[in-house]
PDB file of N, CA and C in Angstrom:
ATOM      1  N   UNK A   1       0.842  -1.188   0.000  1.00  0.00           N
ATOM      2  CA  UNK A   1       0.000   0.000   0.000  1.00  0.00           C
ATOM      3  C   UNK A   1       0.880   1.242   0.000  1.00  0.00           C
ATOM      4  N   UNK A   2       0.580   2.161  -0.875  1.00  0.00           N
ATOM      5  CA  UNK A   2       1.359   3.380  -1.002  1.00  0.00           C
ATOM      6  C   UNK A   2       0.908   4.399   0.039  1.00  0.00           C
ATOM      7  N   UNK A   3       1.858   5.121   0.615  1.00  0.00           N
ATOM      8  CA  UNK A   3       1.537   6.111   1.631  1.00  0.00           C
ATOM      9  C   UNK A   3       1.003   7.385   0.984  1.00  0.00           C
ATOM     10  N   UNK A   4       0.144   8.093   1.692  1.00  0.00           N
ATOM     11  CA  UNK A   4      -0.370   9.369   1.221  1.00  0.00           C
ATOM     12  C   UNK A   4       0.506  10.522   1.691  1.00  0.00           C
ATOM     13  N   UNK A   5       1.067  10.377   2.881  1.00  0.00           N
ATOM     14  CA  UNK A   5       1.865  11.447   3.468  1.00  0.00           C
ATOM     15  C   UNK A   5       3.177  10.900   4.007  1.00  0.00           C
ATOM     16  N   UNK A   6       4.212  11.739   3.907  1.00  0.00           N
ATOM     17  CA  UNK A   6       5.544  11.361   4.362  1.00  0.00           C
ATOM     18  C   UNK A   6       6.074  12.444   5.291  1.00  0.00           C
ATOM     19  N   UNK A   7       6.859  12.046   6.279  1.00  0.00           N
ATOM     20  CA  UNK A   7       7.510  13.007   7.169  1.00  0.00           C
ATOM     21  C   UNK A   7       8.730  13.585   6.455  1.00  0.00           C
ATOM     22  N   UNK A   8       9.261  14.667   7.009  1.00  0.00           N
ATOM     23  CA  UNK A   8      10.440  15.283   6.400  1.00  0.00           C
ATOM     24  C   UNK A   8      11.628  14.321   6.434  1.00  0.00           C
ATOM     25  N   UNK A   9      11.720  13.499   7.478  1.00  0.00           N
ATOM     26  CA  UNK A   9      12.800  12.512   7.556  1.00  0.00           C
ATOM     27  C   UNK A   9      12.693  11.464   6.464  1.00  0.00           C
ATOM     28  N   UNK A  10      11.463  11.003   6.210  1.00  0.00           N
ATOM     29  CA  UNK A  10      11.252  10.016   5.149  1.00  0.00           C
ATOM     30  C   UNK A  10      11.584  10.607   3.784  1.00  0.00           C
ATOM     31  N   UNK A  11      11.144  11.851   3.558  1.00  0.00           N
ATOM     32  CA  UNK A  11      11.427  12.508   2.275  1.00  0.00           C
ATOM     33  C   UNK A  11      12.918  12.740   2.133  1.00  0.00           C
ATOM     34  N   UNK A  12      13.566  13.107   3.205  1.00  0.00           N
ATOM     35  CA  UNK A  12      15.010  13.300   3.203  1.00  0.00           C
ATOM     36  C   UNK A  12      15.722  12.025   2.747  1.00  0.00           C
ATOM     37  N   UNK A  13      15.271  10.885   3.259  1.00  0.00           N
ATOM     38  CA  UNK A  13      15.857   9.603   2.860  1.00  0.00           C
ATOM     39  C   UNK A  13      15.558   9.293   1.391  1.00  0.00           C
ATOM     40  N   UNK A  14      14.355   9.609   0.941  1.00  0.00           N
ATOM     41  CA  UNK A  14      13.947   9.319  -0.441  1.00  0.00           C
ATOM     42  C   UNK A  14      14.783  10.118  -1.437  1.00  0.00           C
ATOM     43  N   UNK A  15      14.947  11.431  -1.176  1.00  0.00           N
ATOM     44  CA  UNK A  15      15.617  12.290  -2.152  1.00  0.00           C
ATOM     45  C   UNK A  15      17.112  12.445  -1.898  1.00  0.00           C
ATOM     46  N   UNK A  16      17.571  12.019  -0.731  1.00  0.00           N
ATOM     47  CA  UNK A  16      19.002  12.064  -0.459  1.00  0.00           C
ATOM     48  C   UNK A  16      19.533  13.414  -0.029  1.00  0.00           C
ATOM     49  N   UNK A  17      18.687  14.254   0.543  1.00  0.00           N
ATOM     50  CA  UNK A  17      19.118  15.554   1.053  1.00  0.00           C
ATOM     51  C   UNK A  17      18.695  15.687   2.505  1.00  0.00           C
ATOM     52  N   UNK A  18      19.512  16.382   3.286  1.00  0.00           N
ATOM     53  CA  UNK A  18      19.190  16.600   4.692  1.00  0.00           C
ATOM     54  C   UNK A  18      17.924  17.444   4.832  1.00  0.00           C
ATOM     55  N   UNK A  19      17.202  17.275   5.947  1.00  0.00           N
ATOM     56  CA  UNK A  19      15.984  18.060   6.166  1.00  0.00           C
ATOM     57  C   UNK A  19      16.193  19.573   6.084  1.00  0.00           C
ATOM     58  N   UNK A  20      17.371  20.064   6.523  1.00  0.00           N
ATOM     59  CA  UNK A  20      17.583  21.516   6.471  1.00  0.00           C
ATOM     60  C   UNK A  20      17.593  22.032   5.036  1.00  0.00           C
ATOM     61  N   UNK A  21      18.027  21.206   4.089  1.00  0.00           N
ATOM     62  CA  UNK A  21      17.997  21.605   2.677  1.00  0.00           C
ATOM     63  C   UNK A  21      16.546  21.705   2.209  1.00  0.00           C
ATOM     64  N   UNK A  22      15.730  20.747   2.586  1.00  0.00           N
ATOM     65  CA  UNK A  22      14.318  20.774   2.194  1.00  0.00           C
ATOM     66  C   UNK A  22      13.617  21.990   2.792  1.00  0.00           C
ATOM     67  N   UNK A  23      13.912  22.308   4.049  1.00  0.00           N
ATOM     68  CA  UNK A  23      13.306  23.486   4.674  1.00  0.00           C
ATOM     69  C   UNK A  23      13.759  24.759   3.960  1.00  0.00           C
ATOM     70  N   UNK A  24      15.027  24.816   3.565  1.00  0.00           N
ATOM     71  CA  UNK A  24      15.534  25.981   2.823  1.00  0.00           C
ATOM     72  C   UNK A  24      14.815  26.108   1.488  1.00  0.00           C
ATOM     73  N   UNK A  25      14.654  25.006   0.762  1.00  0.00           N
ATOM     74  CA  UNK A  25      13.971  25.052  -0.525  1.00  0.00           C
ATOM     75  C   UNK A  25      12.517  25.496  -0.369  1.00  0.00           C
ATOM     76  N   UNK A  26      11.882  25.147   0.749  1.00  0.00           N
ATOM     77  CA  UNK A  26      10.517  25.616   1.012  1.00  0.00           C
ATOM     78  C   UNK A  26      10.475  27.139   1.055  1.00  0.00           C
ATOM     79  N   UNK A  27      11.499  27.747   1.627  1.00  0.00           N
ATOM     80  CA  UNK A  27      11.555  29.210   1.711  1.00  0.00           C
ATOM     81  C   UNK A  27      11.799  29.833   0.344  1.00  0.00           C
ATOM     82  N   UNK A  28      12.541  29.152  -0.502  1.00  0.00           N
ATOM     83  CA  UNK A  28      12.943  29.711  -1.789  1.00  0.00           C
ATOM     84  C   UNK A  28      11.960  29.439  -2.931  1.00  0.00           C
ATOM     85  N   UNK A  29      11.161  28.385  -2.810  1.00  0.00           N
ATOM     86  CA  UNK A  29      10.262  27.990  -3.897  1.00  0.00           C
ATOM     87  C   UNK A  29       8.827  27.922  -3.384  1.00  0.00           C
ATOM     88  N   UNK A  30       7.994  28.831  -3.856  1.00  0.00           N
ATOM     89  CA  UNK A  30       6.603  28.848  -3.390  1.00  0.00           C
ATOM     90  C   UNK A  30       5.845  27.595  -3.824  1.00  0.00           C
ATOM     91  N   UNK A  31       6.312  26.920  -4.856  1.00  0.00           N
ATOM     92  CA  UNK A  31       5.668  25.691  -5.316  1.00  0.00           C
ATOM     93  C   UNK A  31       5.846  24.540  -4.319  1.00  0.00           C
ATOM     94  N   UNK A  32       6.807  24.666  -3.442  1.00  0.00           N
ATOM     95  CA  UNK A  32       7.063  23.636  -2.435  1.00  0.00           C
ATOM     96  C   UNK A  32       6.544  24.132  -1.090  1.00  0.00           C
ATOM     97  N   UNK A  33       5.370  23.678  -0.737  1.00  0.00           N
ATOM     98  CA  UNK A  33       4.790  24.103   0.543  1.00  0.00           C
ATOM     99  C   UNK A  33       3.978  22.955   1.132  1.00  0.00           C
ATOM    100  N   UNK A  34       4.681  22.014   1.756  1.00  0.00           N
ATOM    101  CA  UNK A  34       3.972  20.879   2.348  1.00  0.00           C
ATOM    102  C   UNK A  34       3.040  21.351   3.461  1.00  0.00           C
ATOM    103  N   UNK A  35       1.959  20.638   3.599  1.00  0.00           N
ATOM    104  CA  UNK A  35       1.027  20.951   4.675  1.00  0.00           C
ATOM    105  C   UNK A  35       1.663  20.575   6.010  1.00  0.00           C
ATOM    106  N   UNK A  36       1.038  21.069   7.065  1.00  0.00           N
ATOM    107  CA  UNK A  36       1.492  20.691   8.402  1.00  0.00           C
ATOM    108  C   UNK A  36       0.340  19.981   9.101  1.00  0.00           C
ATOM    109  N   UNK A  37       0.698  18.965   9.876  1.00  0.00           N
ATOM    110  CA  UNK A  37      -0.335  18.225  10.602  1.00  0.00           C
ATOM    111  C   UNK A  37      -0.705  18.976  11.877  1.00  0.00           C
ATOM    112  N   UNK A  38      -1.566  18.392  12.671  1.00  0.00           N
ATOM    113  CA  UNK A  38      -2.034  19.057  13.899  1.00  0.00           C
ATOM    114  C   UNK A  38      -0.898  19.366  14.855  1.00  0.00           C
ATOM    115  N   UNK A  39       0.135  18.555  14.815  1.00  0.00           N
ATOM    116  CA  UNK A  39       1.289  18.774  15.692  1.00  0.00           C
ATOM    117  C   UNK A  39       2.254  19.805  15.124  1.00  0.00           C
ATOM    118  N   UNK A  40       1.955  20.327  13.930  1.00  0.00           N
ATOM    119  CA  UNK A  40       2.816  21.328  13.307  1.00  0.00           C
ATOM    120  C   UNK A  40       3.973  20.750  12.521  1.00  0.00           C
ATOM    121  N   UNK A  41       3.959  19.452  12.303  1.00  0.00           N
ATOM    122  CA  UNK A  41       5.032  18.810  11.530  1.00  0.00           C
ATOM    123  C   UNK A  41       4.666  18.777  10.050  1.00  0.00           C
ATOM    124  N   UNK A  42       5.682  18.938   9.214  1.00  0.00           N
ATOM    125  CA  UNK A  42       5.464  18.909   7.778  1.00  0.00           C
ATOM    126  C   UNK A  42       5.031  17.511   7.328  1.00  0.00           C
ATOM    127  N   UNK A  43       4.055  17.476   6.425  1.00  0.00           N
ATOM    128  CA  UNK A  43       3.647  16.218   5.804  1.00  0.00           C
ATOM    129  C   UNK A  43       3.692  16.425   4.292  1.00  0.00           C
ATOM    130  N   UNK A  44       4.501  15.621   3.653  1.00  0.00           N
ATOM    131  CA  UNK A  44       4.739  15.731   2.223  1.00  0.00           C
ATOM    132  C   UNK A  44       3.887  14.723   1.463  1.00  0.00           C
ATOM    133  N   UNK A  45       3.422  15.129   0.280  1.00  0.00           N
ATOM    134  CA  UNK A  45       2.684  14.234  -0.599  1.00  0.00           C
ATOM    135  C   UNK A  45       3.605  13.804  -1.739  1.00  0.00           C
ATOM    136  N   UNK A  46       3.109  12.896  -2.571  1.00  0.00           N
ATOM    137  CA  UNK A  46       3.880  12.488  -3.752  1.00  0.00           C
ATOM    138  C   UNK A  46       4.145  13.691  -4.662  1.00  0.00           C
ATOM    139  N   UNK A  47       3.177  14.606  -4.774  1.00  0.00           N
ATOM    140  CA  UNK A  47       3.378  15.812  -5.587  1.00  0.00           C
ATOM    141  C   UNK A  47       4.507  16.666  -5.032  1.00  0.00           C
ATOM    142  N   UNK A  48       4.575  16.787  -3.706  1.00  0.00           N
ATOM    143  CA  UNK A  48       5.671  17.539  -3.087  1.00  0.00           C
ATOM    144  C   UNK A  48       7.016  16.895  -3.414  1.00  0.00           C
ATOM    145  N   UNK A  49       7.061  15.577  -3.370  1.00  0.00           N
ATOM    146  CA  UNK A  49       8.308  14.870  -3.671  1.00  0.00           C
ATOM    147  C   UNK A  49       8.696  15.085  -5.134  1.00  0.00           C
ATOM    148  N   UNK A  50       7.717  15.082  -6.033  1.00  0.00           N
ATOM    149  CA  UNK A  50       8.001  15.377  -7.447  1.00  0.00           C
ATOM    150  C   UNK A  50       8.567  16.780  -7.601  1.00  0.00           C
ATOM    151  N   UNK A  51       8.009  17.747  -6.873  1.00  0.00           N
ATOM    152  CA  UNK A  51       8.510  19.118  -6.927  1.00  0.00           C
ATOM    153  C   UNK A  51       9.942  19.180  -6.426  1.00  0.00           C
ATOM    154  N   UNK A  52      10.240  18.469  -5.351  1.00  0.00           N
ATOM    155  CA  UNK A  52      11.604  18.421  -4.814  1.00  0.00           C
ATOM    156  C   UNK A  52      12.553  17.827  -5.853  1.00  0.00           C
ATOM    157  N   UNK A  53      12.125  16.750  -6.502  1.00  0.00           N
ATOM    158  CA  UNK A  53      12.965  16.121  -7.530  1.00  0.00           C
ATOM    159  C   UNK A  53      13.206  17.079  -8.695  1.00  0.00           C
ATOM    160  N   UNK A  54      12.192  17.860  -9.071  1.00  0.00           N
ATOM    161  CA  UNK A  54      12.336  18.846 -10.152  1.00  0.00           C
ATOM    162  C   UNK A  54      13.338  19.931  -9.741  1.00  0.00           C
ATOM    163  N   UNK A  55      13.214  20.416  -8.516  1.00  0.00           N
ATOM    164  CA  UNK A  55      14.141  21.434  -8.015  1.00  0.00           C
ATOM    165  C   UNK A  55      15.559  20.878  -7.992  1.00  0.00           C
ATOM    166  N   UNK A  56      15.715  19.659  -7.475  1.00  0.00           N
ATOM    167  CA  UNK A  56      17.035  19.036  -7.423  1.00  0.00           C
ATOM    168  C   UNK A  56      17.635  18.917  -8.815  1.00  0.00           C
ATOM    169  N   UNK A  57      16.830  18.480  -9.775  1.00  0.00           N
ATOM    170  CA  UNK A  57      17.295  18.328 -11.150  1.00  0.00           C
ATOM    171  C   UNK A  57      17.783  19.670 -11.704  1.00  0.00           C
ATOM    172  N   UNK A  58      16.979  20.707 -11.514  1.00  0.00           N
ATOM    173  CA  UNK A  58      17.356  22.018 -12.053  1.00  0.00           C
ATOM    174  C   UNK A  58      18.624  22.561 -11.395  1.00  0.00           C
ATOM    175  N   UNK A  59      18.722  22.410 -10.082  1.00  0.00           N
ATOM    176  CA  UNK A  59      19.872  22.970  -9.366  1.00  0.00           C
ATOM    177  C   UNK A  59      21.135  22.152  -9.553  1.00  0.00           C
ATOM    178  N   UNK A  60      21.032  20.846  -9.458  1.00  0.00           N
ATOM    179  CA  UNK A  60      22.227  20.005  -9.448  1.00  0.00           C
ATOM    180  C   UNK A  60      22.626  19.504 -10.836  1.00  0.00           C
ATOM    181  N   UNK A  61      21.655  19.032 -11.610  1.00  0.00           N
ATOM    182  CA  UNK A  61      21.986  18.475 -12.924  1.00  0.00           C
ATOM    183  C   UNK A  61      22.120  19.560 -13.993  1.00  0.00           C
ATOM    184  N   UNK A  62      21.185  20.497 -13.981  1.00  0.00           N
ATOM    185  CA  UNK A  62      21.192  21.558 -14.999  1.00  0.00           C
ATOM    186  C   UNK A  62      21.992  22.784 -14.575  1.00  0.00           C
ATOM    187  N   UNK A  63      22.432  22.803 -13.315  1.00  0.00           N
ATOM    188  CA  UNK A  63      23.286  23.870 -12.776  1.00  0.00           C
ATOM    189  C   UNK A  63      22.614  25.254 -12.785  1.00  0.00           C
ATOM    190  N   UNK A  64      21.287  25.279 -12.598  1.00  0.00           N
ATOM    191  CA  UNK A  64      20.578  26.545 -12.484  1.00  0.00           C
ATOM    192  C   UNK A  64      20.900  27.190 -11.135  1.00  0.00           C
ATOM    193  N   UNK A  65      20.793  28.506 -11.092  1.00  0.00           N
ATOM    194  CA  UNK A  65      20.815  29.205  -9.812  1.00  0.00           C
ATOM    195  C   UNK A  65      19.426  29.053  -9.190  1.00  0.00           C
ATOM    196  N   UNK A  66      19.285  29.461  -7.947  1.00  0.00           N
ATOM    197  CA  UNK A  66      17.969  29.407  -7.296  1.00  0.00           C
ATOM    198  C   UNK A  66      16.970  30.227  -8.121  1.00  0.00           C
ATOM    199  N   UNK A  67      17.348  31.441  -8.491  1.00  0.00           N
ATOM    200  CA  UNK A  67      16.438  32.296  -9.265  1.00  0.00           C
ATOM    201  C   UNK A  67      16.134  31.683 -10.625  1.00  0.00           C
ATOM    202  N   UNK A  68      17.125  31.129 -11.274  1.00  0.00           N
ATOM    203  CA  UNK A  68      16.899  30.481 -12.569  1.00  0.00           C
ATOM    204  C   UNK A  68      15.955  29.298 -12.455  1.00  0.00           C
ATOM    205  N   UNK A  69      16.108  28.512 -11.403  1.00  0.00           N
ATOM    206  CA  UNK A  69      15.213  27.374 -11.181  1.00  0.00           C
ATOM    207  C   UNK A  69      13.799  27.851 -10.900  1.00  0.00           C
ATOM    208  N   UNK A  70      13.657  28.937 -10.126  1.00  0.00           N
ATOM    209  CA  UNK A  70      12.330  29.515  -9.868  1.00  0.00           C
ATOM    210  C   UNK A  70      11.653  29.893 -11.176  1.00  0.00           C
ATOM    211  N   UNK A  71      12.401  30.564 -12.043  1.00  0.00           N
ATOM    212  CA  UNK A  71      11.843  31.002 -13.323  1.00  0.00           C
ATOM    213  C   UNK A  71      11.481  29.811 -14.203  1.00  0.00           C
ATOM    214  N   UNK A  72      12.314  28.787 -14.220  1.00  0.00           N
ATOM    215  CA  UNK A  72      12.034  27.595 -15.033  1.00  0.00           C
ATOM    216  C   UNK A  72      10.761  26.902 -14.557  1.00  0.00           C
ATOM    217  N   UNK A  73      10.591  26.808 -13.248  1.00  0.00           N
ATOM    218  CA  UNK A  73       9.389  26.180 -12.701  1.00  0.00           C
ATOM    219  C   UNK A  73       8.163  27.020 -13.030  1.00  0.00           C
ATOM    220  N   UNK A  74       8.295  28.331 -12.915  1.00  0.00           N
ATOM    221  CA  UNK A  74       7.185  29.237 -13.232  1.00  0.00           C
ATOM    222  C   UNK A  74       6.795  29.114 -14.706  1.00  0.00           C
ATOM    223  N   UNK A  75       7.796  29.069 -15.597  1.00  0.00           N
ATOM    224  CA  UNK A  75       7.506  28.924 -17.035  1.00  0.00           C
ATOM    225  C   UNK A  75       6.790  27.605 -17.306  1.00  0.00           C
ATOM    226  N   UNK A  76       7.248  26.560 -16.655  1.00  0.00           N
ATOM    227  CA  UNK A  76       6.629  25.247 -16.824  1.00  0.00           C
ATOM    228  C   UNK A  76       5.177  25.278 -16.354  1.00  0.00           C
ATOM    229  N   UNK A  77       4.937  25.905 -15.223  1.00  0.00           N
ATOM    230  CA  UNK A  77       3.582  26.016 -14.671  1.00  0.00           C
ATOM    231  C   UNK A  77       2.693  26.829 -15.606  1.00  0.00           C
ATOM    232  N   UNK A  78       3.221  27.960 -16.126  1.00  0.00           N
ATOM    233  CA  UNK A  78       2.458  28.791 -17.057  1.00  0.00           C
ATOM    234  C   UNK A  78       2.120  28.013 -18.318  1.00  0.00           C
ATOM    235  N   UNK A  79       3.068  27.224 -18.811  1.00  0.00           N
ATOM    236  CA  UNK A  79       2.849  26.420 -20.008  1.00  0.00           C
ATOM    237  C   UNK A  79       1.761  25.380 -19.781  1.00  0.00           C
ATOM    238  N   UNK A  80       1.769  24.747 -18.627  1.00  0.00           N
ATOM    239  CA  UNK A  80       0.744  23.744 -18.306  1.00  0.00           C
ATOM    240  C   UNK A  80      -0.634  24.386 -18.230  1.00  0.00           C
ATOM    241  N   UNK A  81      -0.722  25.570 -17.609  1.00  0.00           N
ATOM    242  CA  UNK A  81      -2.003  26.266 -17.509  1.00  0.00           C
ATOM    243  C   UNK A  81      -2.504  26.657 -18.897  1.00  0.00           C
ATOM    244  N   UNK A  82      -1.598  27.114 -19.753  1.00  0.00           N
ATOM    245  CA  UNK A  82      -1.972  27.488 -21.115  1.00  0.00           C
ATOM    246  C   UNK A  82      -2.501  26.277 -21.881  1.00  0.00           C
ATOM    247  N   UNK A  83      -1.830  25.145 -21.740  1.00  0.00           N
ATOM    248  CA  UNK A  83      -2.287  23.925 -22.414  1.00  0.00           C
ATOM    249  C   UNK A  83      -3.659  23.493 -21.908  1.00  0.00           C
ATOM    250  N   UNK A  84      -3.911  23.650 -20.617  1.00  0.00           N
ATOM    251  CA  UNK A  84      -5.227  23.311 -20.071  1.00  0.00           C
ATOM    252  C   UNK A  84      -6.300  24.217 -20.645  1.00  0.00           C
ATOM    253  N   UNK A  85      -5.998  25.501 -20.765  1.00  0.00           N
ATOM    254  CA  UNK A  85      -6.972  26.448 -21.345  1.00  0.00           C
ATOM    255  C   UNK A  85      -7.242  26.102 -22.801  1.00  0.00           C
ATOM    256  N   UNK A  86      -6.202  25.718 -23.533  1.00  0.00           N
ATOM    257  CA  UNK A  86      -6.401  25.327 -24.931  1.00  0.00           C
ATOM    258  C   UNK A  86      -7.273  24.081 -25.039  1.00  0.00           C
ATOM    259  N   UNK A  87      -7.063  23.104 -24.160  1.00  0.00           N
ATOM    260  CA  UNK A  87      -7.902  21.898 -24.160  1.00  0.00           C
ATOM    261  C   UNK A  87      -9.360  22.248 -23.858  1.00  0.00           C
ATOM    262  N   UNK A  88      -9.574  23.146 -22.898  1.00  0.00           N
ATOM    263  CA  UNK A  88     -10.935  23.573 -22.565  1.00  0.00           C
ATOM    264  C   UNK A  88     -11.590  24.257 -23.764  1.00  0.00           C
ATOM    265  N   UNK A  89     -10.832  25.103 -24.445  1.00  0.00           N
ATOM    266  CA  UNK A  89     -11.356  25.787 -25.629  1.00  0.00           C
ATOM    267  C   UNK A  89     -11.692  24.786 -26.729  1.00  0.00           C
ATOM    268  N   UNK A  90     -10.813  23.819 -26.951  1.00  0.00           N
ATOM    269  CA  UNK A  90     -11.068  22.794 -27.958  1.00  0.00           C
ATOM    270  C   UNK A  90     -12.335  22.009 -27.623  1.00  0.00           C
ATOM    271  N   UNK A  91     -12.488  21.624 -26.365  1.00  0.00           N
ATOM    272  CA  UNK A  91     -13.686  20.893 -25.950  1.00  0.00           C
ATOM    273  C   UNK A  91     -14.939  21.725 -26.190  1.00  0.00           C
ATOM    274  N   UNK A  92     -14.868  23.010 -25.882  1.00  0.00           N
ATOM    275  CA  UNK A  92     -16.002  23.902 -26.113  1.00  0.00           C
ATOM    276  C   UNK A  92     -16.345  23.963 -27.596  1.00  0.00           C
ATOM    277  N   UNK A  93     -15.333  24.107 -28.441  1.00  0.00           N
ATOM    278  CA  UNK A  93     -15.567  24.204 -29.884  1.00  0.00           C
ATOM    279  C   UNK A  93     -16.128  22.904 -30.451  1.00  0.00           C
ATOM    280  N   UNK A  94     -15.646  21.781 -29.966  1.00  0.00           N
ATOM    281  CA  UNK A  94     -16.175  20.477 -30.407  1.00  0.00           C
ATOM    282  C   UNK A  94     -17.645  20.368 -30.022  1.00  0.00           C
ATOM    283  N   UNK A  95     -17.980  20.742 -28.806  1.00  0.00           N
ATOM    284  CA  UNK A  95     -19.381  20.715 -28.361  1.00  0.00           C
ATOM    285  C   UNK A  95     -20.236  21.639 -29.200  1.00  0.00           C
ATOM    286  N   UNK A  96     -19.717  22.809 -29.483  1.00  0.00           N
ATOM    287  CA  UNK A  96     -20.457  23.794 -30.295  1.00  0.00           C
ATOM    288  C   UNK A  96     -20.706  23.251 -31.694  1.00  0.00           C
ATOM    289  N   UNK A  97     -19.696  22.646 -32.301  1.00  0.00           N
ATOM    290  CA  UNK A  97     -19.839  22.069 -33.641  1.00  0.00           C
ATOM    291  C   UNK A  97     -20.894  20.969 -33.649  1.00  0.00           C
ATOM    292  N   UNK A  98     -20.918  20.164 -32.616  1.00  0.00           N
ATOM    293  CA  UNK A  98     -21.891  19.081 -32.542  1.00  0.00           C
ATOM    294  C   UNK A  98     -23.314  19.628 -32.405  1.00  0.00           C
ATOM    295  N   UNK A  99     -23.470  20.768 -31.742  1.00  0.00           N
ATOM    296  CA  UNK A  99     -24.792  21.380 -31.588  1.00  0.00           C
ATOM    297  C   UNK A  99     -25.293  21.988 -32.890  1.00  0.00           C
ATOM    298  N   UNK A 100     -24.374  22.404 -33.748  1.00  0.00           N
ATOM    299  CA  UNK A 100     -24.769  23.029 -35.017  1.00  0.00           C
ATOM    300  C   UNK A 100     -25.164  21.996 -35.965  1.00  0.00           C
TER     301      UNK A 100
END
């Protein structure tokens, strides 16, 4: 059974970075904002882990600066939103054509 939430220690083990690095990245990247449980501890989802892996890739493999990685993530997010809007428009036009 796959877990829904992971502690910062578990995520640290998964991605291979100390918890202080993950906390620092939370401050630098608004896209990385794990929820906190009732005790105030961070709980990470699979999406959060994917975001961490994307940040790691940009910083370590692609050698981006923090600001460059922020911009790359923002561009990627904008592109995804644009593609979603285009799909919605296409669906609307298909429906309209069928009504005519």
